[in-house]
Amino acid sequence: MRLNNAADIDTVFLALAHPTRRRLLERMAERGESRVTELADGFDVSLNQISKHLKILERAGLMRRRREGREHRCAADLRSLMAARTWMDAYATFWRESLVGLDTWLDSKPEPEENDE
C-alpha cells in the first residue's frame, strides 16, 4: 500500500493509535509470519477482538495475511509505516529549522547584566 493521500495517512495513524494494535505489529515484526492464535497469546481480550485489530492493521497496509487451510497467518508489512514516516519527516525538518532559528536569535541577544545591589 502506498500512502497517496491524507485518507491513507489517517488510516495508518488510526491503526497505530491503539496499544494492542501496536503490540500486535511489534510481535509480527519480531516473530515473522505467525498464526493469529500465536499473536493473540497473552492479550487480555477475545480472539474476536484480536481479529478486529488485525483487520484494521491490514486495511492500513501494515500487515499481510494469508490463509493456510483454516488458519490465518499474518506478517508485518512496514512499507506503509515508512511512507507515514516520510510524511512526518517533513514536519521534523520544519521544527529542526525553527529551533535553529530560535537558537540563532537567542545567541544574538545581549546577555542581561546582573544587578550588584
Protein backbone atom coordinates (compact mmCIF):
# COMPACT_ATOMS: atom_id res chain seq x y z
CA MET A 1 0.00 0.00 0.00
CA ARG A 2 1.28 3.43 -0.89
CA LEU A 3 0.18 6.49 1.01
CA ASN A 4 -1.10 8.73 -1.72
CA ASN A 5 -3.42 10.98 0.18
CA ALA A 6 -4.44 12.20 3.61
CA ALA A 7 -7.03 9.42 3.98
CA ASP A 8 -4.29 6.79 3.61
CA ILE A 9 -2.14 8.53 6.24
CA ASP A 10 -5.16 8.83 8.52
CA THR A 11 -5.74 5.08 8.20
CA VAL A 12 -2.15 4.31 9.24
CA PHE A 13 -2.27 6.64 12.23
CA LEU A 14 -5.67 5.26 13.25
CA ALA A 15 -4.21 1.76 13.16
CA LEU A 16 -1.23 2.84 15.27
CA ALA A 17 -3.38 4.73 17.77
CA HIS A 18 -4.34 1.66 19.77
CA PRO A 19 -1.75 -0.01 22.04
CA THR A 20 -2.99 -3.53 21.25
CA ARG A 21 -2.50 -2.95 17.52
CA ARG A 22 0.97 -1.51 18.08
CA ARG A 23 1.90 -4.56 20.17
CA LEU A 24 0.48 -6.94 17.55
CA LEU A 25 2.54 -5.17 14.89
CA GLU A 26 5.64 -5.43 17.08
CA ARG A 27 5.06 -9.16 17.56
CA MET A 28 4.71 -9.71 13.81
CA ALA A 29 7.87 -7.72 13.16
CA GLU A 30 9.79 -9.70 15.81
CA ARG A 31 8.46 -13.18 15.07
CA GLY A 32 7.82 -13.04 11.36
CA GLU A 33 4.77 -14.72 9.92
CA SER A 34 2.60 -16.07 12.75
CA ARG A 35 -0.77 -17.68 13.25
CA VAL A 36 -3.48 -15.41 14.64
CA THR A 37 -3.73 -17.57 17.77
CA GLU A 38 0.01 -17.19 18.36
CA LEU A 39 -0.24 -13.42 18.03
CA ALA A 40 -3.22 -13.31 20.40
CA ASP A 41 -1.46 -15.26 23.13
CA GLY A 42 -1.06 -13.18 26.28
CA PHE A 43 -3.58 -10.46 25.42
CA ASP A 44 -6.46 -10.00 27.81
CA VAL A 45 -9.03 -9.69 25.00
CA SER A 46 -11.02 -12.19 22.99
CA LEU A 47 -9.77 -13.77 19.79
CA ASN A 48 -12.61 -11.94 18.05
CA GLN A 49 -11.21 -8.60 19.28
CA ILE A 50 -7.72 -9.56 18.11
CA SER A 51 -9.17 -10.39 14.70
CA LYS A 52 -10.78 -6.93 14.53
CA HIS A 53 -7.48 -5.29 15.43
CA LEU A 54 -5.71 -7.30 12.73
CA LYS A 55 -8.29 -6.22 10.15
CA ILE A 56 -7.56 -2.58 10.97
CA LEU A 57 -3.81 -3.18 10.61
CA GLU A 58 -4.43 -4.99 7.32
CA ARG A 59 -6.65 -2.18 6.00
CA ALA A 60 -3.85 0.28 6.81
CA GLY A 61 -1.38 -1.83 4.84
CA LEU A 62 0.71 -2.57 7.94
CA MET A 63 0.37 -6.34 7.66
CA ARG A 64 -0.45 -9.03 5.17
CA ARG A 65 -2.48 -12.15 5.78
CA ARG A 66 -2.51 -15.50 4.05
CA ARG A 67 -4.77 -18.44 4.62
CA GLU A 68 -3.39 -21.90 5.13
CA GLY A 69 -6.36 -24.20 5.40
CA ARG A 70 -8.43 -22.90 8.29
CA GLU A 71 -5.56 -20.93 9.76
CA HIS A 72 -4.70 -17.34 9.02
CA ARG A 73 -1.05 -16.37 9.06
CA CYS A 74 -0.09 -12.75 9.47
CA ALA A 75 3.13 -10.88 8.85
CA ALA A 76 4.15 -7.26 9.28
CA ASP A 77 4.42 -5.16 6.13
CA LEU A 78 6.07 -1.92 7.21
CA ARG A 79 6.08 -0.11 3.86
CA SER A 80 3.07 1.98 4.89
CA LEU A 81 4.84 2.82 8.12
CA MET A 82 7.83 4.11 6.18
CA ALA A 83 5.57 6.20 3.95
CA ALA A 84 3.97 7.73 7.06
CA ARG A 85 7.43 8.44 8.42
CA THR A 86 8.32 10.29 5.23
CA TRP A 87 5.25 12.44 5.80
CA MET A 88 6.31 13.08 9.43
CA ASP A 89 9.90 13.87 8.42
CA ALA A 90 8.69 16.99 6.62
CA TYR A 91 7.47 18.28 9.98
CA ALA A 92 10.66 17.22 11.74
CA THR A 93 12.60 19.37 9.25
CA PHE A 94 10.27 22.31 9.98
CA TRP A 95 10.79 22.03 13.73
CA ARG A 96 14.53 21.49 13.42
CA GLU A 97 14.86 24.64 11.26
CA SER A 98 12.60 26.57 13.63
CA LEU A 99 14.70 25.59 16.64
CA VAL A 100 17.92 26.52 14.84
CA GLY A 101 16.36 29.91 14.07
CA LEU A 102 15.38 30.34 17.70
CA ASP A 103 18.89 29.37 18.82
CA THR A 104 20.40 31.90 16.41
CA TRP A 105 18.05 34.61 17.66
CA LEU A 106 18.83 33.83 21.30
CA ASP A 107 22.58 33.92 20.58
CA SER A 108 22.21 37.39 19.02
CA LYS A 109 20.57 38.87 22.12
CA PRO A 110 22.87 40.66 24.53
CA GLU A 111 23.47 38.98 27.85
CA PRO A 112 21.43 40.53 30.66
CA GLU A 113 23.52 42.46 33.13
CA GLU A 114 23.50 41.31 36.70
CA ASN A 115 22.47 43.87 39.27
CA ASP A 116 25.01 44.38 42.00
CA GLU A 117 22.92 45.53 44.94
